[in-house]
Every structure is written in structure tokens, then in C-alpha cells.
């Protein structure tokens, strides 16, 4: 069977495809049942704290970083 693309064409095509992004959200709950929400300056709604996991970062490390930010 003849491949549709050469190896180089396949590599270039894959490099042009969007990459999957992983995001994290953190639920912080007080002893009396209150949940922390934040209001980002770039969105109109309140949300759980969180964000995007950066390249080479674990989801747990991203969650910690996002809470600090």
C-alpha cells in the first residue's frame, strides 16, 4: 500500500495541527461549606480558580501555580 504522504509531508502536517491543551480547575472549600470563586478581568462571569497546564508541567503543579496567581 502506498502512503498518502511522504514522511516529511506527514511531519509537516502534524506540526500544523492544533495541540491539545489541558486545563485545571481547583475547588477550595472552607470548613463552613463556602467555595472560592474568582472573577477574571478578561471574562464576564465568576469561575473556579484554574488555568492552562504549561508544557512540561504536571496538572498538580499547574493547580498550585494557578492558586498562587
Protein backbone atom coordinates (compact mmCIF):
# COMPACT_ATOMS: atom_id res chain seq x y z
CA UNK A 1 0.00 0.00 0.00
CA UNK A 2 1.36 3.41 -0.97
CA UNK A 3 1.24 6.06 1.77
CA UNK A 4 -0.72 9.23 1.07
CA UNK A 5 2.08 11.45 2.33
CA UNK A 6 5.82 11.22 2.47
CA UNK A 7 7.30 11.11 5.96
CA UNK A 8 8.28 14.78 5.64
CA UNK A 9 4.78 15.79 4.49
CA UNK A 10 3.29 13.84 7.40
CA UNK A 11 5.63 15.56 9.88
CA UNK A 12 4.76 18.99 8.49
CA UNK A 13 1.02 18.25 8.55
CA UNK A 14 1.19 17.07 12.17
CA UNK A 15 3.19 20.17 13.20
CA UNK A 16 0.45 22.40 11.76
CA UNK A 17 -2.36 20.72 13.70
CA UNK A 18 -3.63 22.35 16.86
CA UNK A 19 -2.19 20.96 20.04
CA UNK A 20 -4.38 19.64 22.80
CA UNK A 21 -4.44 21.89 25.81
CA UNK A 22 -5.00 20.64 29.31
CA UNK A 23 -6.68 22.86 31.85
CA UNK A 24 -7.13 22.63 35.58
CA UNK A 25 -9.80 23.92 37.95
CA UNK A 26 -9.41 23.94 41.72
CA UNK A 27 -12.20 23.64 44.26
CA UNK A 28 -11.31 25.36 47.52
CA UNK A 29 -13.95 24.78 50.18
CA UNK A 30 -13.94 26.28 53.68
CA UNK A 31 -14.93 24.34 56.78
CA UNK A 32 -18.32 26.09 56.73
CA UNK A 33 -19.02 24.99 53.14
CA UNK A 34 -18.15 28.18 51.23
CA UNK A 35 -16.46 27.69 47.84
CA UNK A 36 -13.83 30.08 46.46
CA UNK A 37 -14.70 31.64 43.10
CA UNK A 38 -12.78 34.30 41.19
CA UNK A 39 -13.78 36.95 38.67
CA UNK A 40 -11.17 37.13 35.91
CA UNK A 41 -10.66 40.55 34.34
CA UNK A 42 -10.98 39.01 30.86
CA UNK A 43 -14.31 37.16 31.40
CA UNK A 44 -17.75 38.39 32.46
CA UNK A 45 -18.51 35.53 34.85
CA UNK A 46 -17.31 34.21 38.21
CA UNK A 47 -15.39 30.92 37.98
CA UNK A 48 -13.42 28.37 39.94
CA UNK A 49 -9.71 29.24 40.03
CA UNK A 50 -7.71 27.48 37.36
CA UNK A 51 -5.97 27.76 34.03
CA UNK A 52 -3.86 26.04 31.40
CA UNK A 53 -1.22 23.41 32.17
CA UNK A 54 2.04 24.65 30.67
CA UNK A 55 4.39 22.46 28.61
CA UNK A 56 6.31 20.10 30.89
CA UNK A 57 4.16 20.96 33.91
CA UNK A 58 2.06 18.42 35.80
CA UNK A 59 -1.64 19.17 36.40
CA UNK A 60 -0.95 19.22 40.15
CA UNK A 61 1.85 21.78 39.74
CA UNK A 62 -0.39 23.86 37.43
CA UNK A 63 -3.17 23.86 40.04
CA UNK A 64 -0.76 25.09 42.71
CA UNK A 65 0.61 27.79 40.40
CA UNK A 66 -2.86 28.95 39.38
CA UNK A 67 -3.92 29.26 43.02
CA UNK A 68 -0.88 31.44 43.71
CA UNK A 69 -1.61 33.61 40.69
